[in-house]
Amino acid sequence: ALPEYMVPLVVVVDGLPVTPNGKLDRRALPAPAAAPAGHEPPDGEIEELVAAVWCAVLGVGGVGRHDDFFALGGHSLSATRVAARLRQALALELPLHTLFEQRTVAALAAAVETALLADIAASTADDALTPSSTTASTSPTSFVAHAPQGETS
């Protein structure tokens, strides 16, 4: 069985529009349905950001939280653009394979939130350890752990 993203999409049209030269007129093709019956808008700031980036990169509107990136017309190059825009917006290094594995707005936003929390936890842990001041240079360096500042829940 093929993975979901490799299953071909079938669209039935009455006829294919052609240019005066007999070539396929891609601009005259009908636009794909914007919002299927189960459309659910993005929920939360991260999902809204991810959806806005997808809209900008893919040139589509009304992206829902369960819409599939590749079903909307995404491909590997547009995935690279999405990763770059998210990196720029969030200052977060997001591996490209994350977008291939987390193909919906909701799933990618959850992965981004997890990465952001891990990044914050790592930077807080680095700041929590500071060398204590010692007067003798021959004594071993000891570290003091400080409680992290900010929200603790």
N, C-alpha and C. Protein backbone atom coordinates (compact mmCIF):
# COMPACT_ATOMS: atom_id res chain seq x y z
N ALA A 1 0.85 -1.19 0.00
CA ALA A 1 0.00 0.00 0.00
C ALA A 1 0.89 1.24 0.00
N LEU A 2 0.45 2.22 -0.74
CA LEU A 2 1.19 3.48 -0.82
C LEU A 2 0.93 4.34 0.40
N PRO A 3 1.93 5.13 0.83
CA PRO A 3 1.66 6.12 1.87
C PRO A 3 0.62 7.11 1.35
N GLU A 4 -0.10 7.73 2.26
CA GLU A 4 -1.21 8.61 1.87
C GLU A 4 -0.77 9.71 0.91
N TYR A 5 0.41 10.27 1.12
CA TYR A 5 0.85 11.38 0.27
C TYR A 5 1.21 10.94 -1.14
N MET A 6 1.33 9.63 -1.38
CA MET A 6 1.67 9.15 -2.72
C MET A 6 0.45 8.66 -3.50
N VAL A 7 -0.70 8.60 -2.84
CA VAL A 7 -1.92 8.17 -3.52
C VAL A 7 -2.36 9.30 -4.43
N PRO A 8 -2.55 9.02 -5.71
CA PRO A 8 -2.93 10.09 -6.64
C PRO A 8 -4.30 10.67 -6.32
N LEU A 9 -4.44 11.95 -6.53
CA LEU A 9 -5.71 12.64 -6.36
C LEU A 9 -6.45 12.59 -7.69
N VAL A 10 -7.70 12.21 -7.65
CA VAL A 10 -8.49 12.13 -8.86
C VAL A 10 -9.48 13.28 -8.87
N VAL A 11 -9.46 14.05 -9.95
CA VAL A 11 -10.40 15.15 -10.15
C VAL A 11 -11.06 14.94 -11.50
N VAL A 12 -12.37 14.94 -11.52
CA VAL A 12 -13.11 14.73 -12.76
C VAL A 12 -13.53 16.09 -13.30
N VAL A 13 -13.17 16.35 -14.56
CA VAL A 13 -13.58 17.59 -15.24
C VAL A 13 -14.24 17.20 -16.55
N ASP A 14 -15.13 18.07 -17.03
CA ASP A 14 -15.83 17.79 -18.29
C ASP A 14 -14.88 17.75 -19.48
N GLY A 15 -13.93 18.66 -19.48
CA GLY A 15 -12.97 18.73 -20.57
C GLY A 15 -11.77 19.56 -20.14
N LEU A 16 -10.67 19.36 -20.80
CA LEU A 16 -9.47 20.12 -20.47
C LEU A 16 -9.40 21.37 -21.34
N PRO A 17 -9.24 22.53 -20.73
CA PRO A 17 -9.13 23.76 -21.52
C PRO A 17 -7.79 23.80 -22.25
N VAL A 18 -7.82 24.27 -23.47
CA VAL A 18 -6.59 24.36 -24.26
C VAL A 18 -6.40 25.78 -24.75
N THR A 19 -5.16 26.12 -25.02
CA THR A 19 -4.81 27.42 -25.59
C THR A 19 -5.06 27.38 -27.09
N PRO A 20 -4.98 28.52 -27.77
CA PRO A 20 -5.15 28.51 -29.24
C PRO A 20 -4.14 27.61 -29.95
N ASN A 21 -3.01 27.33 -29.30
CA ASN A 21 -2.00 26.45 -29.90
C ASN A 21 -2.24 24.97 -29.60
N GLY A 22 -3.30 24.68 -28.84
CA GLY A 22 -3.62 23.29 -28.55
C GLY A 22 -2.96 22.75 -27.30
N LYS A 23 -2.26 23.59 -26.55
CA LYS A 23 -1.62 23.14 -25.31
C LYS A 23 -2.60 23.31 -24.15
N LEU A 24 -2.34 22.58 -23.08
CA LEU A 24 -3.18 22.67 -21.89
C LEU A 24 -3.11 24.08 -21.29
N ASP A 25 -4.26 24.69 -21.06
CA ASP A 25 -4.33 26.02 -20.46
C ASP A 25 -4.52 25.84 -18.95
N ARG A 26 -3.41 25.81 -18.22
CA ARG A 26 -3.44 25.56 -16.78
C ARG A 26 -4.19 26.65 -16.02
N ARG A 27 -4.13 27.88 -16.51
CA ARG A 27 -4.82 28.98 -15.83
C ARG A 27 -6.33 28.84 -15.90
N ALA A 28 -6.83 28.16 -16.90
CA ALA A 28 -8.27 28.01 -17.07
C ALA A 28 -8.83 26.78 -16.35
N LEU A 29 -7.95 25.98 -15.73
CA LEU A 29 -8.42 24.82 -14.99
C LEU A 29 -9.20 25.28 -13.76
N PRO A 30 -10.20 24.52 -13.34
CA PRO A 30 -10.96 24.92 -12.15
C PRO A 30 -10.08 24.84 -10.90
N ALA A 31 -10.28 25.79 -9.99
CA ALA A 31 -9.51 25.80 -8.74
C ALA A 31 -10.01 24.67 -7.85
N PRO A 32 -9.11 24.06 -7.07
CA PRO A 32 -9.56 23.01 -6.15
C PRO A 32 -10.48 23.61 -5.09
N ALA A 33 -11.33 22.78 -4.54
CA ALA A 33 -12.25 23.24 -3.50
C ALA A 33 -11.46 23.79 -2.33
N ALA A 34 -11.80 25.00 -1.90
CA ALA A 34 -11.04 25.69 -0.85
C ALA A 34 -11.25 25.07 0.51
N ALA A 35 -12.48 24.81 0.89
CA ALA A 35 -12.75 24.32 2.23
C ALA A 35 -13.70 23.13 2.18
N PRO A 36 -13.16 21.93 2.45
CA PRO A 36 -14.03 20.76 2.47
C PRO A 36 -15.02 20.85 3.64
N ALA A 37 -15.98 19.93 3.67
CA ALA A 37 -17.03 19.97 4.68
C ALA A 37 -16.49 19.93 6.10
N GLY A 38 -15.39 19.24 6.34
CA GLY A 38 -14.82 19.11 7.67
C GLY A 38 -13.80 20.17 8.01
N HIS A 39 -13.86 21.31 7.36
CA HIS A 39 -12.88 22.37 7.59
C HIS A 39 -12.94 22.88 9.02
N GLU A 40 -11.77 22.93 9.65
CA GLU A 40 -11.66 23.45 11.01
C GLU A 40 -10.55 24.48 11.01
N PRO A 41 -10.82 25.72 11.42
CA PRO A 41 -9.80 26.76 11.37
C PRO A 41 -8.68 26.49 12.37
N PRO A 42 -7.50 27.08 12.15
CA PRO A 42 -6.38 26.91 13.07
C PRO A 42 -6.75 27.35 14.49
N ASP A 43 -6.18 26.68 15.47
CA ASP A 43 -6.47 26.95 16.87
C ASP A 43 -5.17 27.31 17.58
N GLY A 44 -5.03 28.53 18.03
CA GLY A 44 -3.84 28.96 18.75
C GLY A 44 -2.88 29.73 17.86
N GLU A 45 -1.95 30.41 18.51
CA GLU A 45 -1.01 31.27 17.79
C GLU A 45 -0.09 30.51 16.86
N ILE A 46 0.44 29.39 17.33
CA ILE A 46 1.39 28.63 16.51
C ILE A 46 0.67 28.05 15.29
N GLU A 47 -0.52 27.50 15.47
CA GLU A 47 -1.27 26.96 14.33
C GLU A 47 -1.61 28.07 13.34
N GLU A 48 -1.97 29.25 13.85
CA GLU A 48 -2.28 30.37 12.96
C GLU A 48 -1.04 30.80 12.18
N LEU A 49 0.12 30.80 12.84
CA LEU A 49 1.37 31.15 12.15
C LEU A 49 1.69 30.12 11.07
N VAL A 50 1.60 28.84 11.41
CA VAL A 50 1.88 27.77 10.44
C VAL A 50 0.92 27.88 9.26
N ALA A 51 -0.36 28.10 9.53
CA ALA A 51 -1.35 28.22 8.45
C ALA A 51 -1.06 29.43 7.57
N ALA A 52 -0.66 30.55 8.18
CA ALA A 52 -0.34 31.76 7.41
C ALA A 52 0.88 31.53 6.52
N VAL A 53 1.88 30.82 7.03
CA VAL A 53 3.07 30.51 6.24
C VAL A 53 2.69 29.60 5.08
N TRP A 54 1.87 28.58 5.33
CA TRP A 54 1.42 27.69 4.26
C TRP A 54 0.68 28.47 3.19
N CYS A 55 -0.23 29.38 3.62
CA CYS A 55 -0.99 30.18 2.66
C CYS A 55 -0.06 31.00 1.78
N ALA A 56 0.95 31.62 2.40
CA ALA A 56 1.88 32.47 1.65
C ALA A 56 2.73 31.66 0.69
N VAL A 57 3.24 30.53 1.14
CA VAL A 57 4.13 29.72 0.31
C VAL A 57 3.37 28.99 -0.80
N LEU A 58 2.20 28.45 -0.47
CA LEU A 58 1.44 27.66 -1.44
C LEU A 58 0.51 28.51 -2.30
N GLY A 59 0.27 29.74 -1.89
CA GLY A 59 -0.62 30.60 -2.65
C GLY A 59 -2.08 30.17 -2.56
N VAL A 60 -2.46 29.61 -1.43
CA VAL A 60 -3.84 29.20 -1.21
C VAL A 60 -4.40 29.98 -0.02
N GLY A 61 -5.69 29.92 0.15
CA GLY A 61 -6.32 30.59 1.28
C GLY A 61 -7.17 29.63 2.07
N GLY A 62 -7.48 30.00 3.28
CA GLY A 62 -8.38 29.20 4.10
C GLY A 62 -7.84 27.85 4.50
N VAL A 63 -6.57 27.77 4.90
CA VAL A 63 -5.98 26.51 5.31
C VAL A 63 -6.52 26.14 6.69
N GLY A 64 -7.03 24.92 6.83
CA GLY A 64 -7.56 24.43 8.09
C GLY A 64 -6.51 23.65 8.86
N ARG A 65 -6.83 23.38 10.11
CA ARG A 65 -5.84 22.73 10.97
C ARG A 65 -5.60 21.26 10.60
N HIS A 66 -6.51 20.65 9.86
CA HIS A 66 -6.33 19.24 9.47
C HIS A 66 -6.03 19.09 7.98
N ASP A 67 -5.75 20.20 7.30
CA ASP A 67 -5.40 20.13 5.88
C ASP A 67 -3.99 19.58 5.72
N ASP A 68 -3.81 18.75 4.71
CA ASP A 68 -2.52 18.13 4.43
C ASP A 68 -1.70 19.05 3.52
N PHE A 69 -0.46 19.28 3.90
CA PHE A 69 0.43 20.18 3.16
C PHE A 69 0.57 19.74 1.70
N PHE A 70 0.77 18.46 1.48
CA PHE A 70 1.02 17.97 0.13
C PHE A 70 -0.27 17.88 -0.69
N ALA A 71 -1.41 17.68 -0.03
CA ALA A 71 -2.68 17.69 -0.75
C ALA A 71 -3.04 19.10 -1.21
N LEU A 72 -2.50 20.11 -0.54
CA LEU A 72 -2.74 21.50 -0.93
C LEU A 72 -1.82 21.95 -2.06
N GLY A 73 -0.95 21.07 -2.51
CA GLY A 73 -0.05 21.41 -3.61
C GLY A 73 1.39 21.58 -3.19
N GLY A 74 1.69 21.26 -1.94
CA GLY A 74 3.07 21.38 -1.45
C GLY A 74 3.97 20.31 -2.04
N HIS A 75 5.24 20.61 -2.10
CA HIS A 75 6.26 19.66 -2.57
C HIS A 75 7.54 19.95 -1.79
N SER A 76 8.62 19.27 -2.13
CA SER A 76 9.85 19.39 -1.35
C SER A 76 10.42 20.81 -1.35
N LEU A 77 10.35 21.50 -2.47
CA LEU A 77 10.88 22.87 -2.51
C LEU A 77 10.02 23.82 -1.68
N SER A 78 8.71 23.67 -1.76
CA SER A 78 7.86 24.53 -0.93
C SER A 78 8.00 24.18 0.55
N ALA A 79 8.28 22.92 0.85
CA ALA A 79 8.54 22.54 2.25
C ALA A 79 9.79 23.24 2.77
N THR A 80 10.81 23.37 1.92
CA THR A 80 12.02 24.09 2.30
C THR A 80 11.70 25.56 2.58
N ARG A 81 10.84 26.15 1.78
CA ARG A 81 10.45 27.55 2.00
C ARG A 81 9.67 27.71 3.30
N VAL A 82 8.80 26.76 3.59
CA VAL A 82 8.04 26.80 4.85
C VAL A 82 8.99 26.71 6.04
N ALA A 83 9.93 25.77 5.99
CA ALA A 83 10.89 25.63 7.08
C ALA A 83 11.71 26.90 7.27
N ALA A 84 12.11 27.53 6.18
CA ALA A 84 12.89 28.77 6.27
C ALA A 84 12.06 29.90 6.88
N ARG A 85 10.80 30.01 6.49
CA ARG A 85 9.95 31.08 7.04
C ARG A 85 9.65 30.85 8.52
N LEU A 86 9.44 29.60 8.91
CA LEU A 86 9.22 29.31 10.32
C LEU A 86 10.49 29.57 11.13
N ARG A 87 11.63 29.24 10.56
CA ARG A 87 12.91 29.52 11.22
C ARG A 87 13.07 31.01 11.44
N GLN A 88 12.73 31.80 10.43
CA GLN A 88 12.85 33.25 10.53
C GLN A 88 11.85 33.82 11.54
N ALA A 89 10.63 33.33 11.55
CA ALA A 89 9.60 33.87 12.43
C ALA A 89 9.79 33.47 13.89
N LEU A 90 10.31 32.26 14.13
CA LEU A 90 10.39 31.74 15.49
C LEU A 90 11.80 31.59 16.02
N ALA A 91 12.80 31.87 15.19
CA ALA A 91 14.21 31.66 15.58
C ALA A 91 14.39 30.22 16.08
N LEU A 92 13.85 29.29 15.32
CA LEU A 92 13.87 27.88 15.68
C LEU A 92 14.38 27.07 14.50
N GLU A 93 15.36 26.24 14.75
CA GLU A 93 15.90 25.37 13.70
C GLU A 93 15.01 24.13 13.62
N LEU A 94 14.16 24.08 12.61
CA LEU A 94 13.22 22.99 12.44
C LEU A 94 13.71 22.09 11.31
N PRO A 95 14.02 20.81 11.61
CA PRO A 95 14.48 19.92 10.55
C PRO A 95 13.41 19.76 9.46
N LEU A 96 13.86 19.69 8.23
CA LEU A 96 12.94 19.60 7.10
C LEU A 96 12.08 18.33 7.15
N HIS A 97 12.64 17.25 7.65
CA HIS A 97 11.87 16.00 7.70
C HIS A 97 10.66 16.12 8.62
N THR A 98 10.66 17.09 9.52
CA THR A 98 9.51 17.28 10.40
C THR A 98 8.26 17.60 9.59
N LEU A 99 8.42 18.41 8.55
CA LEU A 99 7.27 18.77 7.71
C LEU A 99 6.76 17.57 6.91
N PHE A 100 7.65 16.66 6.54
CA PHE A 100 7.22 15.47 5.81
C PHE A 100 6.51 14.48 6.75
N GLU A 101 6.89 14.49 8.02
CA GLU A 101 6.28 13.59 8.99
C GLU A 101 5.02 14.18 9.62
N GLN A 102 5.01 15.48 9.85
CA GLN A 102 3.88 16.19 10.45
C GLN A 102 3.21 17.00 9.35
N ARG A 103 2.30 16.40 8.63
CA ARG A 103 1.81 16.95 7.36
C ARG A 103 0.63 17.88 7.49
N THR A 104 0.01 17.98 8.68
CA THR A 104 -1.12 18.88 8.87
C THR A 104 -0.69 20.08 9.70
N VAL A 105 -1.49 21.14 9.66
CA VAL A 105 -1.18 22.34 10.44
C VAL A 105 -1.12 21.99 11.92
N ALA A 106 -2.10 21.22 12.41
CA ALA A 106 -2.15 20.87 13.82
C ALA A 106 -0.92 20.05 14.24
N ALA A 107 -0.56 19.06 13.43
CA ALA A 107 0.58 18.21 13.77
C ALA A 107 1.89 18.98 13.72
N LEU A 108 2.07 19.82 12.70
CA LEU A 108 3.30 20.60 12.60
C LEU A 108 3.38 21.62 13.73
N ALA A 109 2.26 22.26 14.06
CA ALA A 109 2.25 23.23 15.16
C ALA A 109 2.61 22.55 16.48
N ALA A 110 2.11 21.34 16.71
CA ALA A 110 2.45 20.61 17.92
C ALA A 110 3.95 20.29 17.96
N ALA A 111 4.51 19.90 16.82
CA ALA A 111 5.96 19.63 16.76
C ALA A 111 6.76 20.91 17.01
N VAL A 112 6.29 22.03 16.46
CA VAL A 112 6.98 23.31 16.67
C VAL A 112 6.91 23.71 18.14
N GLU A 113 5.75 23.55 18.78
CA GLU A 113 5.61 23.88 20.20
C GLU A 113 6.52 23.02 21.05
N THR A 114 6.60 21.73 20.73
CA THR A 114 7.49 20.83 21.46
C THR A 114 8.94 21.27 21.31
N ALA A 115 9.34 21.63 20.09
CA ALA A 115 10.71 22.08 19.84
C ALA A 115 10.99 23.40 20.56
N LEU A 116 10.02 24.30 20.57
CA LEU A 116 10.20 25.58 21.28
C LEU A 116 10.36 25.36 22.77
N LEU A 117 9.53 24.48 23.35
CA LEU A 117 9.64 24.18 24.78
C LEU A 117 10.97 23.53 25.12
N ALA A 118 11.43 22.62 24.26
CA ALA A 118 12.72 21.97 24.48
C ALA A 118 13.85 23.00 24.39
N ASP A 119 13.73 23.93 23.45
CA ASP A 119 14.73 24.99 23.29
C ASP A 119 14.77 25.88 24.52
N ILE A 120 13.59 26.24 25.04
CA ILE A 120 13.51 27.08 26.24
C ILE A 120 14.07 26.34 27.44
N ALA A 121 13.72 25.06 27.58
CA ALA A 121 14.21 24.27 28.70
C ALA A 121 15.72 24.14 28.66
N ALA A 122 16.28 23.95 27.46
CA ALA A 122 17.73 23.82 27.33
C ALA A 122 18.43 25.13 27.69
N SER A 123 17.89 26.25 27.24
CA SER A 123 18.53 27.53 27.55
C SER A 123 18.37 27.87 29.02
N THR A 124 17.24 27.49 29.64
CA THR A 124 17.04 27.72 31.07
C THR A 124 17.99 26.86 31.88
N ALA A 125 18.18 25.61 31.46
CA ALA A 125 19.09 24.72 32.17
C ALA A 125 20.53 25.23 32.09
N ASP A 126 20.92 25.78 30.95
CA ASP A 126 22.27 26.33 30.82
C ASP A 126 22.46 27.53 31.73
N ASP A 127 21.41 28.36 31.88
CA ASP A 127 21.50 29.55 32.71
C ASP A 127 21.40 29.21 34.19
N ALA A 128 20.84 28.04 34.54
CA ALA A 128 20.63 27.69 35.93
C ALA A 128 21.92 27.27 36.62
N LEU A 129 22.93 26.84 35.88
CA LEU A 129 24.20 26.43 36.47
C LEU A 129 25.22 27.54 36.32
N THR A 130 25.73 28.02 37.45
CA THR A 130 26.77 29.04 37.42
C THR A 130 27.88 28.62 38.36
N PRO A 131 29.13 28.87 38.00
CA PRO A 131 30.22 28.51 38.90
C PRO A 131 30.18 29.40 40.14
N SER A 132 30.40 28.77 41.30
CA SER A 132 30.45 29.56 42.53
C SER A 132 31.82 30.21 42.63
N SER A 133 31.87 31.32 43.33
CA SER A 133 33.16 32.02 43.46
C SER A 133 33.99 31.35 44.54
N THR A 134 35.23 31.08 44.22
CA THR A 134 36.16 30.48 45.18
C THR A 134 37.38 31.37 45.27
N THR A 135 37.97 31.36 46.43
CA THR A 135 39.15 32.21 46.62
C THR A 135 40.43 31.46 46.31
N ALA A 136 40.45 30.19 46.57
CA ALA A 136 41.67 29.43 46.31
C ALA A 136 41.62 28.86 44.90
N SER A 137 42.68 29.06 44.15
CA SER A 137 42.70 28.59 42.77
C SER A 137 42.92 27.09 42.67
N THR A 138 43.33 26.44 43.76
CA THR A 138 43.57 25.01 43.71
C THR A 138 42.33 24.19 44.04
N SER A 139 41.29 24.81 44.55
CA SER A 139 40.09 24.06 44.89
C SER A 139 39.29 23.76 43.62
N PRO A 140 38.59 22.65 43.59
CA PRO A 140 37.81 22.31 42.40
C PRO A 140 36.64 23.30 42.23
N THR A 141 36.26 23.49 40.99
CA THR A 141 35.15 24.39 40.70
C THR A 141 33.85 23.70 41.09
N SER A 142 33.01 24.41 41.79
CA SER A 142 31.69 23.87 42.14
C SER A 142 30.64 24.71 41.43
N PHE A 143 29.49 24.10 41.19
CA PHE A 143 28.40 24.79 40.50
C PHE A 143 27.21 24.91 41.43
N VAL A 144 26.50 26.01 41.29
CA VAL A 144 25.29 26.25 42.06
C VAL A 144 24.12 26.25 41.08
N ALA A 145 23.11 25.45 41.39
CA ALA A 145 21.93 25.40 40.52
C ALA A 145 20.91 26.40 41.03
N HIS A 146 20.49 27.29 40.15
CA HIS A 146 19.47 28.28 40.48
C HIS A 146 18.13 27.79 39.97
N ALA A 147 17.08 28.15 40.68
CA ALA A 147 15.73 27.81 40.21
C ALA A 147 15.46 28.59 38.94
N PRO A 148 14.85 27.97 37.95
CA PRO A 148 14.54 28.69 36.71
C PRO A 148 13.56 29.83 36.98
N GLN A 149 13.74 30.91 36.25
CA GLN A 149 12.86 32.06 36.41
C GLN A 149 11.71 31.97 35.43
N GLY A 150 10.64 32.62 35.76
CA GLY A 150 9.51 32.65 34.84
C GLY A 150 8.45 31.65 35.22
N GLU A 151 7.69 31.23 34.26
CA GLU A 151 6.57 30.34 34.50
C GLU A 151 7.07 28.95 34.84
N THR A 152 6.53 28.35 35.90
CA THR A 152 6.99 27.03 36.34
C THR A 152 5.99 25.93 36.05
N SER A 153 4.84 26.24 35.51
CA SER A 153 3.87 25.17 35.24
C SER A 153 3.96 24.70 33.82
